[in-house]
C-alpha atoms as a PDB file:
ATOM      1  CA  MET A   1      48.075  56.544 -13.577  1.00  0.00           C
ATOM      2  CA  GLY A   2      46.131  56.717 -10.369  1.00  0.00           C
ATOM      3  CA  ARG A   3      44.243  54.020  -8.599  1.00  0.00           C
ATOM      4  CA  PRO A   4      40.810  53.247 -10.031  1.00  0.00           C
ATOM      5  CA  THR A   5      38.020  54.855  -8.094  1.00  0.00           C
ATOM      6  CA  ALA A   6      35.334  52.926  -6.306  1.00  0.00           C
ATOM      7  CA  ARG A   7      32.928  53.830  -9.085  1.00  0.00           C
ATOM      8  CA  ARG A   8      35.272  52.390 -11.725  1.00  0.00           C
ATOM      9  CA  GLN A   9      35.705  49.205  -9.649  1.00  0.00           C
ATOM     10  CA  ASN A  10      31.944  48.828  -9.372  1.00  0.00           C
ATOM     11  CA  GLU A  11      31.641  49.174 -13.142  1.00  0.00           C
ATOM     12  CA  GLN A  12      34.297  46.504 -13.646  1.00  0.00           C
ATOM     13  CA  GLU A  13      32.496  44.179 -11.236  1.00  0.00           C
ATOM     14  CA  GLU A  14      29.213  44.737 -13.029  1.00  0.00           C
ATOM     15  CA  GLU A  15      30.862  43.951 -16.380  1.00  0.00           C
ATOM     16  CA  LEU A  16      32.320  40.769 -14.948  1.00  0.00           C
ATOM     17  CA  LEU A  17      28.955  39.744 -13.532  1.00  0.00           C
ATOM     18  CA  ASN A  18      27.317  40.406 -16.891  1.00  0.00           C
ATOM     19  CA  ASP A  19      29.974  38.283 -18.600  1.00  0.00           C
ATOM     20  CA  VAL A  20      29.367  35.478 -16.123  1.00  0.00           C
ATOM     21  CA  GLU A  21      25.607  35.642 -16.616  1.00  0.00           C
ATOM     22  CA  GLU A  22      26.080  35.485 -20.395  1.00  0.00           C
ATOM     23  CA  MET A  23      28.329  32.452 -20.014  1.00  0.00           C
ATOM     24  CA  GLU A  24      25.771  30.722 -17.809  1.00  0.00           C
ATOM     25  CA  GLU A  25      23.101  31.319 -20.410  1.00  0.00           C
ATOM     26  CA  ASP A  26      25.385  30.008 -23.144  1.00  0.00           C
ATOM     27  CA  GLU A  27      26.107  26.747 -21.186  1.00  0.00           C
ATOM     28  CA  SER A  28      28.997  25.844 -23.476  1.00  0.00           C
ATOM     29  CA  PRO A  29      32.089  25.659 -21.254  1.00  0.00           C
ATOM     30  CA  VAL A  30      35.442  25.315 -22.956  1.00  0.00           C
ATOM     31  CA  ALA A  31      37.051  22.024 -21.988  1.00  0.00           C
ATOM     32  CA  SER A  32      40.655  23.258 -22.183  1.00  0.00           C
ATOM     33  CA  SER A  33      40.144  26.353 -19.992  1.00  0.00           C
ATOM     34  CA  PRO A  34      40.301  26.035 -16.218  1.00  0.00           C
ATOM     35  CA  ALA A  35      37.183  26.765 -14.193  1.00  0.00           C
ATOM     36  CA  VAL A  36      37.228  30.158 -12.471  1.00  0.00           C
ATOM     37  CA  SER A  37      34.869  31.271  -9.731  1.00  0.00           C
ATOM     38  CA  ASP A  38      33.113  34.645  -9.631  1.00  0.00           C
ATOM     39  CA  ARG A  39      34.969  35.534  -6.471  1.00  0.00           C
ATOM     40  CA  ARG A  40      38.315  34.923  -8.127  1.00  0.00           C
ATOM     41  CA  ARG A  41      37.344  37.023 -11.137  1.00  0.00           C
ATOM     42  CA  ARG A  42      36.418  39.952  -8.893  1.00  0.00           C
ATOM     43  CA  ARG A  43      39.643  39.605  -6.907  1.00  0.00           C
ATOM     44  CA  GLN A  44      41.704  39.575 -10.118  1.00  0.00           C
ATOM     45  CA  ALA A  45      39.868  42.642 -11.405  1.00  0.00           C
ATOM     46  CA  LYS A  46      40.492  44.563  -8.160  1.00  0.00           C
ATOM     47  CA  SER A  47      44.191  43.707  -8.008  1.00  0.00           C
ATOM     48  CA  GLY A  48      44.755  44.626 -11.640  1.00  0.00           C
ATOM     49  CA  GLU A  49      45.683  41.105 -12.735  1.00  0.00           C
ATOM     50  CA  PRO A  50      44.597  40.122 -16.228  1.00  0.00           C
ATOM     51  CA  VAL A  51      41.204  38.490 -16.061  1.00  0.00           C
ATOM     52  CA  ILE A  52      40.957  35.033 -17.594  1.00  0.00           C
ATOM     53  CA  ALA A  53      39.095  34.906 -20.866  1.00  0.00           C
ATOM     54  CA  ALA A  54      35.351  35.305 -20.689  1.00  0.00           C
ATOM     55  CA  ASP A  55      34.791  31.960 -22.401  1.00  0.00           C
ATOM     56  CA  ALA A  56      36.365  30.035 -19.495  1.00  0.00           C
ATOM     57  CA  ALA A  57      34.080  27.681 -17.611  1.00  0.00           C
ATOM     58  CA  VAL A  58      32.540  29.012 -14.425  1.00  0.00           C
ATOM     59  CA  THR A  59      32.412  26.865 -11.313  1.00  0.00           C
ATOM     60  CA  ARG A  60      28.872  26.848 -10.039  1.00  0.00           C
ATOM     61  CA  LYS A  61      28.077  25.741  -6.559  1.00  0.00           C
ATOM     62  CA  ASP A  62      24.694  24.271  -7.357  1.00  0.00           C
ATOM     63  CA  ARG A  63      26.151  21.608  -9.655  1.00  0.00           C
ATOM     64  CA  PRO A  64      28.592  18.786  -8.928  1.00  0.00           C
ATOM     65  CA  THR A  65      32.139  19.123 -10.192  1.00  0.00           C
ATOM     66  CA  PRO A  66      32.564  17.240 -13.464  1.00  0.00           C
ATOM     67  CA  SER A  67      34.845  14.228 -13.299  1.00  0.00           C
ATOM     68  CA  GLN A  68      38.269  14.435 -14.918  1.00  0.00           C
ATOM     69  CA  ARG A  69      38.160  10.753 -15.812  1.00  0.00           C
ATOM     70  CA  GLU A  70      36.243   9.417 -18.714  1.00  0.00           C
ATOM     71  CA  GLU A  71      33.497   7.148 -17.478  1.00  0.00           C
ATOM     72  CA  PRO A  72      33.741   3.675 -18.996  1.00  0.00           C
ATOM     73  CA  GLU A  73      30.726   2.553 -20.916  1.00  0.00           C
ATOM     74  CA  LYS A  74      28.650   0.246 -18.722  1.00  0.00           C
ATOM     75  CA  LYS A  75      27.414  -2.926 -20.278  1.00  0.00           C
ATOM     76  CA  ARG A  76      23.719  -3.545 -19.859  1.00  0.00           C
ATOM     77  CA  ASN A  77      23.997  -7.288 -19.256  1.00  0.00           C
ATOM     78  CA  PHE A  78      24.005  -7.968 -15.496  1.00  0.00           C
ATOM     79  CA  VAL A  79      25.964 -11.232 -15.713  1.00  0.00           C
ATOM     80  CA  VAL A  80      28.709  -9.759 -17.900  1.00  0.00           C
ATOM     81  CA  ARG A  81      28.985  -6.688 -15.686  1.00  0.00           C
ATOM     82  CA  PHE A  82      29.089  -8.859 -12.534  1.00  0.00           C
ATOM     83  CA  PHE A  83      31.965 -11.048 -13.776  1.00  0.00           C
ATOM     84  CA  SER A  84      33.765  -8.035 -15.199  1.00  0.00           C
ATOM     85  CA  ASN A  85      33.616  -6.362 -11.789  1.00  0.00           C
ATOM     86  CA  ILE A  86      34.961  -9.510 -10.107  1.00  0.00           C
ATOM     87  CA  ARG A  87      37.822  -9.703 -12.595  1.00  0.00           C
ATOM     88  CA  THR A  88      38.630  -6.015 -12.052  1.00  0.00           C
ATOM     89  CA  TYR A  89      38.558  -6.517  -8.278  1.00  0.00           C
ATOM     90  CA  PHE A  90      41.069  -9.378  -8.387  1.00  0.00           C
ATOM     91  CA  GLN A  91      43.326  -7.501 -10.807  1.00  0.00           C
ATOM     92  CA  GLU A  92      43.431  -4.559  -8.393  1.00  0.00           C
ATOM     93  CA  VAL A  93      44.027  -6.879  -5.410  1.00  0.00           C
ATOM     94  CA  PHE A  94      47.004  -8.509  -7.131  1.00  0.00           C
ATOM     95  CA  ALA A  95      48.360  -5.100  -8.128  1.00  0.00           C
ATOM     96  CA  GLU A  96      48.165  -3.914  -4.502  1.00  0.00           C
ATOM     97  CA  LEU A  97      49.731  -7.143  -3.184  1.00  0.00           C
ATOM     98  CA  GLY A  98      52.654  -6.518  -5.509  1.00  0.00           C
ATOM     99  CA  LYS A  99      53.274  -3.210  -3.712  1.00  0.00           C
ATOM    100  CA  VAL A 100      53.473  -4.820  -0.247  1.00  0.00           C
ATOM    101  CA  ALA A 101      56.894  -4.956   1.423  1.00  0.00           C
ATOM    102  CA  TRP A 102      56.844  -8.577   2.586  1.00  0.00           C
ATOM    103  CA  PRO A 103      59.048  -9.512   5.590  1.00  0.00           C
ATOM    104  CA  THR A 104      61.839 -12.039   5.210  1.00  0.00           C
ATOM    105  CA  ARG A 105      61.611 -15.518   6.707  1.00  0.00           C
ATOM    106  CA  GLU A 106      63.942 -14.530   9.569  1.00  0.00           C
ATOM    107  CA  GLU A 107      61.781 -11.505  10.436  1.00  0.00           C
ATOM    108  CA  VAL A 108      58.636 -13.643  10.417  1.00  0.00           C
ATOM    109  CA  MET A 109      60.217 -16.222  12.732  1.00  0.00           C
ATOM    110  CA  ARG A 110      61.538 -13.538  15.123  1.00  0.00           C
ATOM    111  CA  LEU A 111      58.219 -11.671  15.273  1.00  0.00           C
ATOM    112  CA  THR A 112      56.272 -14.916  15.729  1.00  0.00           C
ATOM    113  CA  GLY A 113      58.498 -15.809  18.682  1.00  0.00           C
ATOM    114  CA  ILE A 114      57.940 -12.387  20.235  1.00  0.00           C
ATOM    115  CA  VAL A 115      54.168 -12.735  19.880  1.00  0.00           C
ATOM    116  CA  LEU A 116      54.190 -16.213  21.444  1.00  0.00           C
ATOM    117  CA  VAL A 117      56.340 -15.089  24.408  1.00  0.00           C
ATOM    118  CA  VAL A 118      54.223 -11.989  25.091  1.00  0.00           C
ATOM    119  CA  THR A 119      51.020 -14.038  24.820  1.00  0.00           C
ATOM    120  CA  THR A 120      52.338 -16.689  27.227  1.00  0.00           C
ATOM    121  CA  VAL A 121      53.546 -14.133  29.788  1.00  0.00           C
ATOM    122  CA  SER A 122      50.252 -12.228  29.585  1.00  0.00           C
ATOM    123  CA  ALA A 123      48.246 -15.447  30.027  1.00  0.00           C
ATOM    124  CA  ILE A 124      50.287 -16.459  33.085  1.00  0.00           C
ATOM    125  CA  PHE A 125      49.967 -12.983  34.648  1.00  0.00           C
ATOM    126  CA  LEU A 126      46.212 -12.781  34.058  1.00  0.00           C
ATOM    127  CA  GLY A 127      45.793 -16.358  35.381  1.00  0.00           C
ATOM    128  CA  ILE A 128      47.575 -15.464  38.615  1.00  0.00           C
ATOM    129  CA  VAL A 129      45.540 -12.260  39.033  1.00  0.00           C
ATOM    130  CA  SER A 130      42.339 -14.187  38.365  1.00  0.00           C
ATOM    131  CA  LEU A 131      43.320 -16.857  40.876  1.00  0.00           C
ATOM    132  CA  ILE A 132      44.070 -14.262  43.562  1.00  0.00           C
ATOM    133  CA  PHE A 133      40.861 -12.294  43.065  1.00  0.00           C
ATOM    134  CA  GLY A 134      38.798 -15.480  42.704  1.00  0.00           C
ATOM    135  CA  GLY A 135      40.171 -16.770  46.012  1.00  0.00           C
ATOM    136  CA  LEU A 136      39.436 -13.430  47.671  1.00  0.00           C
ATOM    137  CA  ALA A 137      35.904 -13.393  46.290  1.00  0.00           C
ATOM    138  CA  THR A 138      35.326 -16.940  47.552  1.00  0.00           C
ATOM    139  CA  SER A 139      36.736 -16.044  50.979  1.00  0.00           C
ATOM    140  CA  MET A 140      34.458 -13.019  51.192  1.00  0.00           C
ATOM    141  CA  THR A 141      31.414 -15.246  50.842  1.00  0.00           C
ATOM    142  CA  LEU A 142      32.423 -17.535  53.698  1.00  0.00           C
ATOM    143  CA  ALA A 143      31.261 -16.322  57.082  1.00  0.00           C
ATOM    144  CA  ASP A 144      34.403 -17.179  59.109  1.00  0.00           C
ATOM    145  CA  SER A 145      36.955 -15.273  56.925  1.00  0.00           C
ATOM    146  CA  ALA A 146      34.828 -12.583  55.278  1.00  0.00           C
ATOM    147  CA  ALA A 147      36.298  -9.635  57.176  1.00  0.00           C
ATOM    148  CA  TRP A 148      39.970 -10.207  56.384  1.00  0.00           C
ATOM    149  CA  ALA A 149      39.262 -11.263  52.779  1.00  0.00           C
ATOM    150  CA  THR A 150      37.255  -8.110  52.151  1.00  0.00           C
ATOM    151  CA  ALA A 151      40.019  -5.977  53.657  1.00  0.00           C
ATOM    152  CA  ALA A 152      42.661  -7.806  51.599  1.00  0.00           C
ATOM    153  CA  GLY A 153      40.616  -7.380  48.401  1.00  0.00           C
ATOM    154  CA  ILE A 154      40.170  -3.653  48.988  1.00  0.00           C
ATOM    155  CA  ALA A 155      43.851  -3.224  49.887  1.00  0.00           C
ATOM    156  CA  LEU A 156      45.014  -5.141  46.815  1.00  0.00           C
ATOM    157  CA  THR A 157      42.716  -3.101  44.572  1.00  0.00           C
ATOM    158  CA  LEU A 158      44.022   0.168  46.042  1.00  0.00           C
ATOM    159  CA  ILE A 159      47.651  -0.940  45.648  1.00  0.00           C
ATOM    160  CA  VAL A 160      47.181  -1.899  41.980  1.00  0.00           C
ATOM    161  CA  ALA A 161      45.245   1.316  41.251  1.00  0.00           C
ATOM    162  CA  GLY A 162      47.883   3.412  43.033  1.00  0.00           C
ATOM    163  CA  LEU A 163      50.718   1.781  41.107  1.00  0.00           C
ATOM    164  CA  TRP A 164      48.879   2.443  37.868  1.00  0.00           C
ATOM    165  CA  LEU A 165      48.032   6.067  38.634  1.00  0.00           C
ATOM    166  CA  PHE A 166      51.500   6.992  39.893  1.00  0.00           C
ATOM    167  CA  ARG A 167      53.544   4.773  37.570  1.00  0.00           C
ATOM    168  CA  GLU A 168      55.579   7.662  36.119  1.00  0.00           C
ATOM    169  CA  ARG A 169      56.609   8.948  39.560  1.00  0.00           C
ATOM    170  CA  ILE A 170      57.357   5.480  40.911  1.00  0.00           C
ATOM    171  CA  PHE A 171      59.246   4.105  37.914  1.00  0.00           C
ATOM    172  CA  GLY A 172      60.999   7.355  36.972  1.00  0.00           C
ATOM    173  CA  GLY A 173      59.008   8.335  33.889  1.00  0.00           C
ATOM    174  CA  VAL A 174      60.388   5.616  31.627  1.00  0.00           C
ATOM    175  CA  ASN A 175      57.740   6.309  28.997  1.00  0.00           C
ATOM    176  CA  ARG A 176      58.503  10.047  28.962  1.00  0.00           C
ATOM    177  CA  ASP A 177      62.246   9.406  28.473  1.00  0.00           C
ATOM    178  CA  ARG A 178      61.595   7.024  25.585  1.00  0.00           C
ATOM    179  CA  ARG A 179      59.299   9.562  23.886  1.00  0.00           C
ATOM    180  CA  ASN A 180      61.908  12.321  24.222  1.00  0.00           C
ATOM    181  CA  ASN A 181      64.630  10.123  22.698  1.00  0.00           C
ATOM    182  CA  ARG A 182      62.496   9.504  19.611  1.00  0.00           C
ATOM    183  CA  LEU A 183      62.151  13.216  18.949  1.00  0.00           C
END
């Protein structure tokens, strides 16, 4: 058996298209058969695979995909539906809370201590920086010490910016080494 000619392939494609058009006119998709697109049908026909039965549902792009779930019947009464939705919400919340991996008391105490220490150190550092820059800003406004305060403010800003920009070169790439150890 030789390969089918281009003419034979065109005939097969036309037959498939006719089958699809007939199915669209019928509008009675079979629920147990999977949906198959036209493109897939043509590809199966070209490769010689058996084509899925002609009564299978066709996926059309101009219609939304039907839901696999059965839609619950909605009650018409607003009050009943409202309280039913609230009850469903809390049931789902409690179900999700049951899936949470809660920390032990020791972990909570340890992590709380870490947060308090980091917050205190950060507050002290930012307070000192604010005090320094506030004093410099005040000195810049006074006529007798404006020149040196301005120079000190610019120098301090350049030093902090330089440390930040070149932190990996200055401190030996600590962050890069930690990232490589994780991999």
